[in-house]
Amino acid sequence: MRIEMNVSSLQETEQLAEKLSNLLAPPDVLTLEGDLGAGKTTFTKALAKGLGITRTVNSPTFTIIKQYEGKYPLNHLDVYRLAESDEDLGWDELFYGDAISIVEWAHLIEEDLPKERLGIQLFHTGETSRKIIFTPLGERYMKICEAMTK
């Protein structure tokens, strides 16, 4: 199963992420992949806003993990810099703990990810338009995707 959605503006991307935030609970794991500049961090910011996080959310490129408090804690990971590393950063505590986790460049730590998760891909289709693909892995995430289409 896979769901494709097309958005034509930044605002539509943000609305989609906020809608998703209302369906999540710990220890949900989301993975973000896609084109450079396609809106992975924008999507994460809107998701965080939907979770009631008021702190500024930005990419944790140099710190790898940033944590935010809201309705639920949110772990925001950018694992791009781990491409050449075999370091164990305590993935189990992150992915099975009391927070929602969103992982940018997740394919780089594929073997460390939970088998059940929601994959999200963002692709440019125009200057402001994007194709967003949701790939649920596991029954919980299939139900989340079904709710996203209603």
Protein backbone atom coordinates (compact mmCIF):
# COMPACT_ATOMS: atom_id res chain seq x y z
CA MET A 1 0.00 0.00 0.00
CA ARG A 2 1.15 3.48 -0.78
CA ILE A 3 -0.69 6.78 -0.88
CA GLU A 4 0.33 9.63 -3.17
CA MET A 5 -0.85 13.16 -2.52
CA ASN A 6 -0.12 16.24 -4.56
CA VAL A 7 0.12 19.64 -2.94
CA SER A 8 0.41 22.90 -4.80
CA SER A 9 1.74 25.16 -2.07
CA LEU A 10 3.77 25.39 1.10
CA GLN A 11 0.53 25.95 3.02
CA GLU A 12 -0.95 22.67 1.71
CA THR A 13 2.21 20.80 2.77
CA GLU A 14 1.92 22.34 6.23
CA GLN A 15 -1.78 21.45 6.48
CA LEU A 16 -1.04 17.85 5.54
CA ALA A 17 1.69 17.59 8.18
CA GLU A 18 -0.54 19.13 10.85
CA LYS A 19 -3.34 16.69 9.96
CA LEU A 20 -0.87 13.82 10.35
CA SER A 21 0.28 15.15 13.73
CA ASN A 22 -3.24 14.66 15.11
CA LEU A 23 -3.06 10.94 14.29
CA LEU A 24 0.28 10.24 15.97
CA ALA A 25 1.29 9.05 19.43
CA PRO A 26 4.53 7.72 20.94
CA PRO A 27 6.45 5.70 19.93
CA ASP A 28 5.47 6.37 16.29
CA VAL A 29 8.38 6.58 13.85
CA LEU A 30 8.27 8.54 10.60
CA THR A 31 11.01 8.50 7.99
CA LEU A 32 11.54 11.39 5.57
CA GLU A 33 13.25 11.05 2.23
CA GLY A 34 13.19 13.03 -0.97
CA ASP A 35 14.65 15.73 -3.13
CA LEU A 36 16.91 18.37 -1.63
CA GLY A 37 14.79 21.40 -0.87
CA ALA A 38 11.53 19.50 -1.32
CA GLY A 39 10.32 20.40 2.15
CA LYS A 40 11.44 17.73 4.61
CA THR A 41 12.25 20.28 7.31
CA THR A 42 9.14 22.33 6.45
CA PHE A 43 7.06 19.18 6.88
CA THR A 44 8.73 18.52 10.24
CA LYS A 45 8.13 22.10 11.42
CA ALA A 46 4.43 21.85 10.61
CA LEU A 47 4.19 18.43 12.27
CA ALA A 48 5.81 19.91 15.38
CA LYS A 49 3.39 22.83 15.34
CA GLY A 50 0.52 20.35 15.21
CA LEU A 51 1.99 18.66 18.30
CA GLY A 52 1.91 21.98 20.14
CA ILE A 53 5.67 22.55 19.99
CA THR A 54 6.41 26.27 20.23
CA ARG A 55 10.22 26.18 20.02
CA THR A 56 11.83 26.93 16.68
CA VAL A 57 12.31 23.69 14.78
CA ASN A 58 15.22 23.46 12.37
CA SER A 59 17.28 20.71 10.84
CA PRO A 60 19.62 18.98 13.30
CA THR A 61 22.27 18.51 10.62
CA PHE A 62 25.24 19.13 12.89
CA THR A 63 23.80 17.70 16.11
CA ILE A 64 22.05 14.67 14.54
CA ILE A 65 19.22 14.70 17.10
CA LYS A 66 17.06 17.51 18.46
CA GLN A 67 14.31 16.93 20.98
CA TYR A 68 11.24 19.08 21.44
CA GLU A 69 8.44 19.07 24.03
CA GLY A 70 4.79 19.49 23.10
CA LYS A 71 1.65 17.38 23.38
CA TYR A 72 4.13 14.53 22.94
CA PRO A 73 7.92 14.70 22.88
CA LEU A 74 9.35 14.79 19.35
CA ASN A 75 12.77 13.46 18.35
CA HIS A 76 13.94 15.07 15.10
CA LEU A 77 16.89 13.23 13.58
CA ASP A 78 18.96 14.10 10.53
CA VAL A 79 21.22 11.11 10.01
CA TYR A 80 22.89 12.33 6.82
CA ARG A 81 26.24 12.66 8.58
CA LEU A 82 26.08 9.06 9.80
CA ALA A 83 26.50 7.62 6.29
CA GLU A 84 30.05 6.48 7.07
CA SER A 85 29.47 5.61 10.73
CA ASP A 86 28.69 2.37 12.52
CA GLU A 87 28.07 4.17 15.80
CA ASP A 88 25.10 2.99 17.87
CA LEU A 89 23.34 6.06 19.18
CA GLY A 90 20.84 4.18 21.30
CA TRP A 91 18.25 3.72 18.57
CA ASP A 92 16.06 1.44 20.69
CA GLU A 93 15.65 4.09 23.39
CA LEU A 94 14.72 6.64 20.73
CA PHE A 95 12.44 4.53 18.57
CA TYR A 96 10.67 2.58 21.31
CA GLY A 97 10.55 5.28 23.99
CA ASP A 98 7.98 7.88 24.95
CA ALA A 99 8.43 10.17 21.95
CA ILE A 100 7.44 10.42 18.31
CA SER A 101 10.52 10.22 16.08
CA ILE A 102 10.96 11.73 12.63
CA VAL A 103 14.12 10.73 10.74
CA GLU A 104 15.52 12.57 7.72
CA TRP A 105 17.76 10.54 5.38
CA ALA A 106 16.50 7.40 7.10
CA HIS A 107 17.80 5.02 4.42
CA LEU A 108 21.27 5.56 5.90
CA ILE A 109 20.27 3.74 9.09
CA GLU A 110 17.78 1.31 7.52
CA GLU A 111 18.98 -1.66 9.58
CA ASP A 112 18.43 0.27 12.84
CA LEU A 113 14.87 1.41 12.08
CA PRO A 114 11.80 -0.31 13.49
CA LYS A 115 10.17 -2.67 11.00
CA GLU A 116 6.87 -0.85 11.51
CA ARG A 117 6.94 2.83 10.61
CA LEU A 118 5.55 5.41 8.22
CA GLY A 119 7.74 6.28 5.26
CA ILE A 120 7.23 9.73 3.76
CA GLN A 121 8.84 10.89 0.52
CA LEU A 122 8.69 14.42 -0.87
CA PHE A 123 9.44 15.26 -4.51
CA HIS A 124 9.43 18.49 -6.52
CA THR A 125 6.73 18.58 -9.20
CA GLY A 126 6.95 22.31 -9.81
CA GLU A 127 8.18 25.52 -8.23
CA THR A 128 5.80 25.26 -5.26
CA SER A 129 4.11 21.93 -5.92
CA ARG A 130 5.17 18.61 -4.42
CA LYS A 131 4.25 14.95 -4.59
CA ILE A 132 4.14 13.41 -1.13
CA ILE A 133 4.15 9.63 -0.89
CA PHE A 134 3.15 7.83 2.30
CA THR A 135 4.28 4.22 2.65
CA PRO A 136 2.90 2.53 5.77
CA LEU A 137 4.81 -0.41 7.20
CA GLY A 138 2.55 -2.13 9.71
CA GLU A 139 -1.15 -2.12 10.53
CA ARG A 140 -1.05 0.99 12.75
CA TYR A 141 0.49 3.05 9.97
CA MET A 142 -2.00 1.68 7.41
CA LYS A 143 -4.80 2.99 9.63
CA ILE A 144 -3.06 6.36 9.91
CA CYS A 145 -2.81 6.56 6.10
CA GLU A 146 -6.46 5.63 5.71
CA ALA A 147 -7.38 8.46 8.09
CA MET A 148 -5.18 10.86 6.11
CA THR A 149 -7.27 10.30 2.99
CA LYS A 150 -10.58 11.16 4.68
